[in-house]
C-alpha atoms as a PDB file:
ATOM      1  CA  MET A   1      62.655 -50.955  68.496  1.00  0.00           C
ATOM      2  CA  LYS A   2      60.488 -48.047  69.514  1.00  0.00           C
ATOM      3  CA  GLN A   3      62.415 -45.875  67.133  1.00  0.00           C
ATOM      4  CA  SER A   4      61.835 -48.276  64.254  1.00  0.00           C
ATOM      5  CA  LEU A   5      58.094 -48.470  65.049  1.00  0.00           C
ATOM      6  CA  LEU A   6      57.867 -44.690  65.104  1.00  0.00           C
ATOM      7  CA  LEU A   7      59.548 -44.459  61.701  1.00  0.00           C
ATOM      8  CA  LEU A   8      57.137 -47.038  60.286  1.00  0.00           C
ATOM      9  CA  ILE A   9      54.067 -45.109  61.507  1.00  0.00           C
ATOM     10  CA  THR A  10      55.452 -41.847  60.146  1.00  0.00           C
ATOM     11  CA  PHE A  11      56.081 -43.480  56.735  1.00  0.00           C
ATOM     12  CA  SER A  12      52.524 -44.866  56.625  1.00  0.00           C
ATOM     13  CA  ILE A  13      50.998 -41.456  57.354  1.00  0.00           C
ATOM     14  CA  LEU A  14      53.078 -39.799  54.629  1.00  0.00           C
ATOM     15  CA  THR A  15      52.132 -42.488  52.129  1.00  0.00           C
ATOM     16  CA  SER A  16      48.413 -42.056  52.885  1.00  0.00           C
ATOM     17  CA  SER A  17      48.689 -38.267  52.570  1.00  0.00           C
ATOM     18  CA  CYS A  18      50.400 -38.517  49.182  1.00  0.00           C
ATOM     19  CA  SER A  19      47.793 -40.993  47.980  1.00  0.00           C
ATOM     20  CA  LEU A  20      44.933 -38.679  48.986  1.00  0.00           C
ATOM     21  CA  LEU A  21      46.658 -35.696  47.405  1.00  0.00           C
ATOM     22  CA  LYS A  22      47.131 -37.625  44.176  1.00  0.00           C
ATOM     23  CA  LYS A  23      43.445 -38.581  44.060  1.00  0.00           C
ATOM     24  CA  GLU A  24      42.382 -34.990  44.601  1.00  0.00           C
ATOM     25  CA  ASN A  25      44.677 -33.806  41.860  1.00  0.00           C
ATOM     26  CA  SER A  26      43.483 -36.504  39.472  1.00  0.00           C
ATOM     27  CA  ALA A  27      39.734 -35.895  40.171  1.00  0.00           C
ATOM     28  CA  PRO A  28      37.906 -34.023  37.394  1.00  0.00           C
ATOM     29  CA  GLN A  29      37.759 -30.332  38.062  1.00  0.00           C
ATOM     30  CA  THR A  30      34.283 -28.852  38.435  1.00  0.00           C
ATOM     31  CA  GLN A  31      34.177 -25.678  36.339  1.00  0.00           C
ATOM     32  CA  VAL A  32      32.178 -22.767  37.595  1.00  0.00           C
ATOM     33  CA  ARG A  33      30.394 -21.366  34.561  1.00  0.00           C
ATOM     34  CA  LYS A  34      29.151 -17.868  34.320  1.00  0.00           C
ATOM     35  CA  PRO A  35      25.468 -17.485  33.599  1.00  0.00           C
ATOM     36  CA  ALA A  36      24.915 -17.293  29.845  1.00  0.00           C
ATOM     37  CA  ASP A  37      24.345 -13.843  28.528  1.00  0.00           C
ATOM     38  CA  PRO A  38      20.730 -13.316  27.554  1.00  0.00           C
ATOM     39  CA  PRO A  39      20.223 -13.587  23.786  1.00  0.00           C
ATOM     40  CA  LYS A  40      20.543 -10.310  22.034  1.00  0.00           C
ATOM     41  CA  THR A  41      17.161  -9.395  20.607  1.00  0.00           C
ATOM     42  CA  THR A  42      17.989  -5.902  19.458  1.00  0.00           C
ATOM     43  CA  GLU A  43      18.650  -6.948  15.875  1.00  0.00           C
ATOM     44  CA  LYS A  44      15.420  -8.956  15.654  1.00  0.00           C
ATOM     45  CA  VAL A  45      13.373  -6.210  17.212  1.00  0.00           C
ATOM     46  CA  ILE A  46      14.757  -3.647  14.805  1.00  0.00           C
ATOM     47  CA  THR A  47      14.120  -5.918  11.837  1.00  0.00           C
ATOM     48  CA  ALA A  48      10.580  -6.699  12.942  1.00  0.00           C
ATOM     49  CA  SER A  49       9.686  -3.126  13.696  1.00  0.00           C
ATOM     50  CA  SER A  50      11.190  -1.793  10.489  1.00  0.00           C
ATOM     51  CA  SER A  51       9.305  -4.331   8.386  1.00  0.00           C
ATOM     52  CA  ALA A  52       6.095  -3.599  10.253  1.00  0.00           C
ATOM     53  CA  ILE A  53       6.311   0.123   9.528  1.00  0.00           C
ATOM     54  CA  LYS A  54       5.053   0.727   6.006  1.00  0.00           C
ATOM     55  CA  SER A  55       4.446   3.905   4.111  1.00  0.00           C
ATOM     56  CA  PRO A  56       0.781   4.846   3.605  1.00  0.00           C
ATOM     57  CA  ALA A  57       1.019   3.895  -0.078  1.00  0.00           C
ATOM     58  CA  LEU A  58       2.501   0.460   0.640  1.00  0.00           C
ATOM     59  CA  SER A  59      -0.149  -0.205   3.281  1.00  0.00           C
ATOM     60  CA  TYR A  60      -2.824   0.820   0.777  1.00  0.00           C
ATOM     61  CA  ILE A  61      -1.413  -1.513  -1.875  1.00  0.00           C
ATOM     62  CA  GLU A  62      -1.281  -4.443   0.543  1.00  0.00           C
ATOM     63  CA  ARG A  63      -4.852  -3.783   1.653  1.00  0.00           C
ATOM     64  CA  PHE A  64      -6.443  -3.535  -1.810  1.00  0.00           C
ATOM     65  CA  LYS A  65      -4.251  -5.545  -4.187  1.00  0.00           C
ATOM     66  CA  ASN A  66      -6.551  -8.582  -4.111  1.00  0.00           C
ATOM     67  CA  ILE A  67      -9.715  -6.706  -5.057  1.00  0.00           C
ATOM     68  CA  ALA A  68      -7.791  -4.885  -7.823  1.00  0.00           C
ATOM     69  CA  ILE A  69      -6.575  -8.218  -9.225  1.00  0.00           C
ATOM     70  CA  SER A  70     -10.074  -9.685  -9.006  1.00  0.00           C
ATOM     71  CA  GLU A  71     -11.553  -6.756 -10.940  1.00  0.00           C
ATOM     72  CA  MET A  72      -8.772  -7.013 -13.523  1.00  0.00           C
ATOM     73  CA  ASN A  73      -9.476 -10.687 -14.147  1.00  0.00           C
ATOM     74  CA  GLY A  74     -13.125  -9.956 -14.817  1.00  0.00           C
ATOM     75  CA  SER A  75     -12.858  -6.771 -16.865  1.00  0.00           C
ATOM     76  CA  GLY A  76      -9.320  -6.324 -18.180  1.00  0.00           C
ATOM     77  CA  ILE A  77      -8.527  -3.105 -16.297  1.00  0.00           C
ATOM     78  CA  PRO A  78      -4.892  -3.529 -15.161  1.00  0.00           C
ATOM     79  CA  ALA A  79      -4.692  -3.978 -11.392  1.00  0.00           C
ATOM     80  CA  SER A  80      -1.760  -1.563 -11.473  1.00  0.00           C
ATOM     81  CA  ILE A  81      -3.946   1.200 -12.928  1.00  0.00           C
ATOM     82  CA  THR A  82      -6.778   0.600 -10.460  1.00  0.00           C
ATOM     83  CA  LEU A  83      -4.356   0.767  -7.525  1.00  0.00           C
ATOM     84  CA  ALA A  84      -2.586   3.849  -8.902  1.00  0.00           C
ATOM     85  CA  GLN A  85      -5.902   5.650  -9.362  1.00  0.00           C
ATOM     86  CA  GLY A  86      -6.972   4.669  -5.856  1.00  0.00           C
ATOM     87  CA  ILE A  87      -3.711   5.919  -4.340  1.00  0.00           C
ATOM     88  CA  LEU A  88      -3.905   9.184  -6.254  1.00  0.00           C
ATOM     89  CA  GLU A  89      -7.578  10.018  -5.837  1.00  0.00           C
ATOM     90  CA  SER A  90      -8.032   8.878  -2.247  1.00  0.00           C
ATOM     91  CA  ALA A  91      -4.659  10.072  -0.910  1.00  0.00           C
ATOM     92  CA  ASN A  92      -3.776   6.520   0.106  1.00  0.00           C
ATOM     93  CA  GLY A  93      -7.242   6.108   1.591  1.00  0.00           C
ATOM     94  CA  ASN A  94      -6.934   9.213   3.769  1.00  0.00           C
ATOM     95  CA  SER A  95      -9.173  11.667   1.909  1.00  0.00           C
ATOM     96  CA  ARG A  96     -12.500  12.701   3.390  1.00  0.00           C
ATOM     97  CA  LEU A  97     -14.401  10.810   0.681  1.00  0.00           C
ATOM     98  CA  ALA A  98     -12.440   7.636   1.353  1.00  0.00           C
ATOM     99  CA  LYS A  99     -12.815   7.820   5.127  1.00  0.00           C
ATOM    100  CA  GLU A 100     -16.423   8.972   5.376  1.00  0.00           C
ATOM    101  CA  ALA A 101     -17.916   7.522   2.188  1.00  0.00           C
ATOM    102  CA  ASN A 102     -15.601   4.594   1.270  1.00  0.00           C
ATOM    103  CA  ASN A 103     -15.332   6.396  -2.085  1.00  0.00           C
ATOM    104  CA  HIS A 104     -11.795   5.815  -3.361  1.00  0.00           C
ATOM    105  CA  PHE A 105     -12.243   7.064  -6.946  1.00  0.00           C
ATOM    106  CA  GLY A 106     -14.193  10.301  -6.553  1.00  0.00           C
ATOM    107  CA  ILE A 107     -17.231   8.890  -8.346  1.00  0.00           C
ATOM    108  CA  LYS A 108     -20.122  11.332  -8.285  1.00  0.00           C
ATOM    109  CA  CYS A 109     -23.851  10.749  -8.086  1.00  0.00           C
ATOM    110  CA  THR A 110     -25.817  10.121 -11.271  1.00  0.00           C
ATOM    111  CA  THR A 111     -29.534   9.823 -11.880  1.00  0.00           C
ATOM    112  CA  GLU A 112     -29.519   6.037 -11.519  1.00  0.00           C
ATOM    113  CA  TRP A 113     -27.656   6.118  -8.186  1.00  0.00           C
ATOM    114  CA  LYS A 114     -30.038   5.041  -5.403  1.00  0.00           C
ATOM    115  CA  GLY A 115     -27.532   4.703  -2.580  1.00  0.00           C
ATOM    116  CA  LYS A 116     -26.438   7.149   0.101  1.00  0.00           C
ATOM    117  CA  THR A 117     -24.689  10.365  -0.852  1.00  0.00           C
ATOM    118  CA  ILE A 118     -22.226  12.865   0.564  1.00  0.00           C
ATOM    119  CA  PHE A 119     -21.603  16.462  -0.507  1.00  0.00           C
ATOM    120  CA  GLN A 120     -18.238  18.087  -1.066  1.00  0.00           C
ATOM    121  CA  ASP A 121     -16.945  21.033  -3.089  1.00  0.00           C
ATOM    122  CA  ASP A 122     -15.282  19.923  -6.324  1.00  0.00           C
ATOM    123  CA  ASP A 123     -16.083  21.348  -9.758  1.00  0.00           C
ATOM    124  CA  ASN A 124     -19.033  23.054  -8.085  1.00  0.00           C
ATOM    125  CA  LYS A 125     -19.968  23.841  -4.523  1.00  0.00           C
ATOM    126  CA  ASP A 126     -21.529  20.857  -2.747  1.00  0.00           C
ATOM    127  CA  ASP A 127     -21.068  18.343  -5.539  1.00  0.00           C
ATOM    128  CA  CYS A 128     -22.799  15.023  -4.842  1.00  0.00           C
ATOM    129  CA  PHE A 129     -20.650  11.911  -4.381  1.00  0.00           C
ATOM    130  CA  ARG A 130     -21.580   8.279  -3.907  1.00  0.00           C
ATOM    131  CA  VAL A 131     -21.308   6.575  -0.529  1.00  0.00           C
ATOM    132  CA  TYR A 132     -20.374   2.890  -0.401  1.00  0.00           C
ATOM    133  CA  ARG A 133     -20.779   0.288   2.304  1.00  0.00           C
ATOM    134  CA  SER A 134     -17.132  -0.738   1.990  1.00  0.00           C
ATOM    135  CA  PRO A 135     -14.000   0.243   0.050  1.00  0.00           C
ATOM    136  CA  GLU A 136     -14.297  -3.004  -1.915  1.00  0.00           C
ATOM    137  CA  GLU A 137     -17.724  -1.912  -3.145  1.00  0.00           C
ATOM    138  CA  SER A 138     -16.082   1.290  -4.380  1.00  0.00           C
ATOM    139  CA  PHE A 139     -13.514  -0.748  -6.340  1.00  0.00           C
ATOM    140  CA  ARG A 140     -16.258  -2.825  -7.950  1.00  0.00           C
ATOM    141  CA  ASP A 141     -18.272   0.269  -8.858  1.00  0.00           C
ATOM    142  CA  HIS A 142     -15.150   1.839 -10.352  1.00  0.00           C
ATOM    143  CA  THR A 143     -15.005  -1.067 -12.800  1.00  0.00           C
ATOM    144  CA  GLU A 144     -18.680  -0.746 -13.668  1.00  0.00           C
ATOM    145  CA  PHE A 145     -18.338   3.013 -14.045  1.00  0.00           C
ATOM    146  CA  LEU A 146     -15.663   2.594 -16.700  1.00  0.00           C
ATOM    147  CA  LYS A 147     -17.848   0.247 -18.752  1.00  0.00           C
ATOM    148  CA  ARG A 148     -19.099   3.181 -20.830  1.00  0.00           C
ATOM    149  CA  LYS A 149     -18.854   4.179 -24.445  1.00  0.00           C
ATOM    150  CA  ARG A 150     -16.224   6.859 -23.834  1.00  0.00           C
ATOM    151  CA  TYR A 151     -13.880   4.303 -22.262  1.00  0.00           C
ATOM    152  CA  ALA A 152     -14.718   1.376 -24.580  1.00  0.00           C
ATOM    153  CA  PRO A 153     -11.471   1.574 -26.619  1.00  0.00           C
ATOM    154  CA  LEU A 154      -9.459   0.986 -23.454  1.00  0.00           C
ATOM    155  CA  PHE A 155     -10.925  -2.482 -22.980  1.00  0.00           C
ATOM    156  CA  GLU A 156      -9.389  -3.521 -26.295  1.00  0.00           C
ATOM    157  CA  LEU A 157      -5.920  -3.011 -24.799  1.00  0.00           C
ATOM    158  CA  ASP A 158      -3.970  -5.848 -23.199  1.00  0.00           C
ATOM    159  CA  LYS A 159      -4.832  -6.153 -19.535  1.00  0.00           C
ATOM    160  CA  ASN A 160      -1.190  -5.595 -18.593  1.00  0.00           C
ATOM    161  CA  ASP A 161      -0.799  -2.455 -20.746  1.00  0.00           C
ATOM    162  CA  TYR A 162      -0.761   0.085 -17.908  1.00  0.00           C
ATOM    163  CA  ARG A 163       0.806   2.790 -20.075  1.00  0.00           C
ATOM    164  CA  GLY A 164      -1.933   2.478 -22.674  1.00  0.00           C
ATOM    165  CA  TRP A 165      -4.599   2.634 -19.967  1.00  0.00           C
ATOM    166  CA  ALA A 166      -3.023   5.656 -18.266  1.00  0.00           C
ATOM    167  CA  ASN A 167      -2.887   7.627 -21.508  1.00  0.00           C
ATOM    168  CA  GLY A 168      -6.333   6.391 -22.549  1.00  0.00           C
ATOM    169  CA  LEU A 169      -7.959   7.583 -19.335  1.00  0.00           C
ATOM    170  CA  LYS A 170      -6.455  11.024 -19.833  1.00  0.00           C
ATOM    171  CA  THR A 171      -7.555  11.153 -23.485  1.00  0.00           C
ATOM    172  CA  ALA A 172     -11.093  10.099 -22.527  1.00  0.00           C
ATOM    173  CA  GLY A 173     -11.266  13.004 -20.082  1.00  0.00           C
ATOM    174  CA  TYR A 174     -11.206  11.121 -16.800  1.00  0.00           C
ATOM    175  CA  ALA A 175      -9.230  13.929 -15.157  1.00  0.00           C
ATOM    176  CA  THR A 176      -8.484  17.541 -15.931  1.00  0.00           C
ATOM    177  CA  ASN A 177      -4.872  17.440 -14.761  1.00  0.00           C
ATOM    178  CA  PRO A 178      -2.729  17.548 -17.941  1.00  0.00           C
ATOM    179  CA  ARG A 179      -0.195  15.277 -16.229  1.00  0.00           C
ATOM    180  CA  TYR A 180      -2.737  12.670 -15.132  1.00  0.00           C
ATOM    181  CA  ALA A 181      -1.310   9.880 -17.294  1.00  0.00           C
ATOM    182  CA  GLU A 182       2.217  10.729 -16.187  1.00  0.00           C
ATOM    183  CA  LEU A 183       1.174  10.672 -12.531  1.00  0.00           C
ATOM    184  CA  LEU A 184      -0.426   7.232 -12.877  1.00  0.00           C
ATOM    185  CA  ILE A 185       2.576   5.779 -14.697  1.00  0.00           C
ATOM    186  CA  SER A 186       4.903   7.270 -12.085  1.00  0.00           C
ATOM    187  CA  LEU A 187       2.977   5.559  -9.272  1.00  0.00           C
ATOM    188  CA  VAL A 188       2.873   2.220 -11.110  1.00  0.00           C
ATOM    189  CA  GLU A 189       6.629   2.250 -11.618  1.00  0.00           C
ATOM    190  CA  ARG A 190       7.516   3.711  -8.222  1.00  0.00           C
ATOM    191  CA  TYR A 191       5.714   0.905  -6.373  1.00  0.00           C
ATOM    192  CA  ASP A 192       6.198  -1.802  -9.023  1.00  0.00           C
ATOM    193  CA  LEU A 193       2.423  -2.210  -9.319  1.00  0.00           C
ATOM    194  CA  SER A 194       2.751  -3.951 -12.686  1.00  0.00           C
ATOM    195  CA  ARG A 195       3.728  -7.091 -10.747  1.00  0.00           C
ATOM    196  CA  PHE A 196       0.007  -7.555 -10.088  1.00  0.00           C
ATOM    197  CA  ASP A 197      -0.928  -7.395 -13.774  1.00  0.00           C
ATOM    198  CA  ARG A 198      -1.497 -10.586 -15.752  1.00  0.00           C
ATOM    199  CA  MET A 199      -0.981 -11.389 -19.413  1.00  0.00           C
ATOM    200  CA  GLU A 200      -3.676 -13.126 -21.439  1.00  0.00           C
ATOM    201  CA  ASN A 201      -3.541 -15.142 -24.637  1.00  0.00           C
ATOM    202  CA  GLU A 202      -5.498 -14.220 -27.755  1.00  0.00           C
ATOM    203  CA  ARG A 203      -8.401 -16.533 -26.943  1.00  0.00           C
ATOM    204  CA  GLU A 204      -8.718 -15.203 -23.380  1.00  0.00           C
ATOM    205  CA  LYS A 205      -8.550 -11.630 -24.633  1.00  0.00           C
ATOM    206  CA  THR A 206     -11.262 -12.218 -27.257  1.00  0.00           C
ATOM    207  CA  ILE A 207     -13.635 -13.797 -24.728  1.00  0.00           C
ATOM    208  CA  ARG A 208     -13.035 -11.010 -22.211  1.00  0.00           C
ATOM    209  CA  GLU A 209     -13.449  -8.235 -24.802  1.00  0.00           C
ATOM    210  CA  ASP A 210     -16.717  -9.704 -26.132  1.00  0.00           C
ATOM    211  CA  LYS A 211     -18.126  -9.937 -22.615  1.00  0.00           C
ATOM    212  CA  VAL A 212     -17.196  -6.364 -21.646  1.00  0.00           C
ATOM    213  CA  MET A 213     -18.315  -4.845 -24.969  1.00  0.00           C
ATOM    214  CA  LYS A 214     -21.756  -6.423 -24.566  1.00  0.00           C
ATOM    215  CA  GLU A 215     -22.012  -4.893 -21.091  1.00  0.00           C
ATOM    216  CA  ILE A 216     -20.962  -1.493 -22.445  1.00  0.00           C
ATOM    217  CA  ALA A 217     -23.592  -1.739 -25.200  1.00  0.00           C
ATOM    218  CA  ILE A 218     -26.276  -2.453 -22.590  1.00  0.00           C
ATOM    219  CA  ASN A 219     -25.190   0.634 -20.596  1.00  0.00           C
ATOM    220  CA  ILE A 220     -25.337   3.076 -23.533  1.00  0.00           C
ATOM    221  CA  PRO A 221     -29.111   3.811 -23.356  1.00  0.00           C
ATOM    222  CA  THR A 222     -28.794   4.445 -19.621  1.00  0.00           C
ATOM    223  CA  GLU A 223     -25.879   6.806 -20.160  1.00  0.00           C
ATOM    224  CA  LYS A 224     -27.948   9.049 -22.435  1.00  0.00           C
ATOM    225  CA  LYS A 225     -30.532   9.544 -19.692  1.00  0.00           C
ATOM    226  CA  GLN A 226     -27.992  10.594 -17.123  1.00  0.00           C
ATOM    227  CA  GLU A 227     -27.230  14.233 -16.365  1.00  0.00           C
ATOM    228  CA  THR A 228     -23.525  13.576 -16.805  1.00  0.00           C
ATOM    229  CA  ILE A 229     -21.418  10.509 -17.336  1.00  0.00           C
ATOM    230  CA  LYS A 230     -18.725  11.715 -14.988  1.00  0.00           C
ATOM    231  CA  SER A 231     -17.420  15.185 -14.516  1.00  0.00           C
ATOM    232  CA  PRO A 232     -13.657  14.984 -14.947  1.00  0.00           C
ATOM    233  CA  VAL A 233     -11.921  14.637 -11.624  1.00  0.00           C
ATOM    234  CA  VAL A 234     -10.157  17.849 -10.647  1.00  0.00           C
ATOM    235  CA  MET A 235      -6.852  16.417  -9.506  1.00  0.00           C
ATOM    236  CA  LYS A 236      -5.307  18.788  -6.997  1.00  0.00           C
ATOM    237  CA  ILE A 237      -1.984  17.065  -6.644  1.00  0.00           C
ATOM    238  CA  TYR A 238       1.326  18.792  -5.916  1.00  0.00           C
ATOM    239  CA  GLU A 239       4.717  17.318  -6.751  1.00  0.00           C
ATOM    240  CA  VAL A 240       7.300  18.144  -4.095  1.00  0.00           C
ATOM    241  CA  ARG A 241      10.313  20.134  -5.279  1.00  0.00           C
ATOM    242  CA  SER A 242      13.742  20.541  -3.737  1.00  0.00           C
ATOM    243  CA  GLY A 243      13.560  22.925  -0.778  1.00  0.00           C
ATOM    244  CA  ASP A 244       9.837  22.427  -0.162  1.00  0.00           C
ATOM    245  CA  THR A 245       8.614  21.953   3.393  1.00  0.00           C
ATOM    246  CA  LEU A 246       5.184  21.069   4.715  1.00  0.00           C
ATOM    247  CA  THR A 247       4.860  24.637   5.943  1.00  0.00           C
ATOM    248  CA  SER A 248       5.655  26.173   2.548  1.00  0.00           C
ATOM    249  CA  VAL A 249       3.325  23.783   0.723  1.00  0.00           C
ATOM    250  CA  SER A 250       0.515  24.337   3.230  1.00  0.00           C
ATOM    251  CA  LYS A 251       0.766  28.125   2.780  1.00  0.00           C
ATOM    252  CA  GLN A 252       0.745  27.766  -0.990  1.00  0.00           C
ATOM    253  CA  PHE A 253      -2.567  25.892  -0.938  1.00  0.00           C
ATOM    254  CA  THR A 254      -4.105  27.564   2.151  1.00  0.00           C
ATOM    255  CA  LEU A 255      -4.099  24.352   4.150  1.00  0.00           C
ATOM    256  CA  SER A 256      -2.751  23.723   7.618  1.00  0.00           C
ATOM    257  CA  VAL A 257       0.244  21.454   8.133  1.00  0.00           C
ATOM    258  CA  ALA A 258      -2.035  19.152  10.138  1.00  0.00           C
ATOM    259  CA  ASP A 259      -4.450  18.920   7.199  1.00  0.00           C
ATOM    260  CA  LEU A 260      -1.629  18.024   4.814  1.00  0.00           C
ATOM    261  CA  LYS A 261      -0.444  15.280   7.139  1.00  0.00           C
ATOM    262  CA  VAL A 262      -3.918  13.803   7.505  1.00  0.00           C
ATOM    263  CA  LEU A 263      -4.707  14.004   3.781  1.00  0.00           C
ATOM    264  CA  ASN A 264      -1.477  12.243   2.845  1.00  0.00           C
ATOM    265  CA  GLY A 265      -1.085   9.922   5.822  1.00  0.00           C
ATOM    266  CA  LEU A 266       2.227  11.494   6.803  1.00  0.00           C
ATOM    267  CA  GLU A 267       3.751  10.511  10.139  1.00  0.00           C
ATOM    268  CA  ASN A 268       6.498  13.136  10.040  1.00  0.00           C
ATOM    269  CA  SER A 269       7.388  16.353   8.224  1.00  0.00           C
ATOM    270  CA  ASN A 270      10.012  14.895   5.895  1.00  0.00           C
ATOM    271  CA  LEU A 271       9.409  15.508   2.189  1.00  0.00           C
ATOM    272  CA  ILE A 272      11.222  13.978  -0.765  1.00  0.00           C
ATOM    273  CA  PRO A 273      11.543  15.696  -4.174  1.00  0.00           C
ATOM    274  CA  GLY A 274       9.143  14.020  -6.574  1.00  0.00           C
ATOM    275  CA  GLN A 275       6.756  12.989  -3.805  1.00  0.00           C
ATOM    276  CA  LEU A 276       3.081  13.515  -4.650  1.00  0.00           C
ATOM    277  CA  LEU A 277       0.871  15.337  -2.173  1.00  0.00           C
ATOM    278  CA  LEU A 278      -2.891  15.663  -2.196  1.00  0.00           C
ATOM    279  CA  VAL A 279      -3.552  19.363  -1.605  1.00  0.00           C
ATOM    280  CA  SER A 280      -7.346  19.488  -1.609  1.00  0.00           C
ATOM    281  CA  LYS A 281      -9.810  18.192   0.957  1.00  0.00           C
END
């Protein structure tokens, strides 16, 4: 009897143990997860930083494209030509005239100019240049300055004919550099500046031409009283050749490497064949 009772108790304990073990085995397992790796931001950072870093010319274009388009819509001067001239003559906005006088097109003083002035050697020692309150004012005055008899034929061109304007400016004597037209066209095509130009239909062109020609006619008597209309800009631009370095170019034009960097907005010493450098202060 005692032996039977002992067997019964032992059997009950074993049954309970098996039941508990079965429940434990059948209970959902709690997985221990590793902390998630932090999101990789390297790719985004690189993308953001690379897009934020722009060449001096691209930064210049972004800064002044709207005013160039606005002037084009009113006068017919292609925005691409205005931007190319600004890039070339102001060294991407880094020349002394651009920084200290907001003068992006090298426009000199004339007898009717009543604003502030700045002096800098150009055709002559201490030539007089106009000072503007803002770069935008310089862009607007550039348009008005071209509304003269010598440039009148250009306003009969289509306002998206950048090649015609480039060659016309050279023919009219805007600059003494024999490659002036070629330099402008090269800049327009290198930076796709023609994307800012706009076509016009015959009616729009006629209205715009009539308006500008009347303004040019009004300016003619004033032009005759002026000492000069505009002395041709002496473009001291150097086109980089294979093997050139900043040091070799600086020695050639008696400038320091630091001056070349400042004039052209260069952040490093790398040069690319075909690159245009301003080599005069």
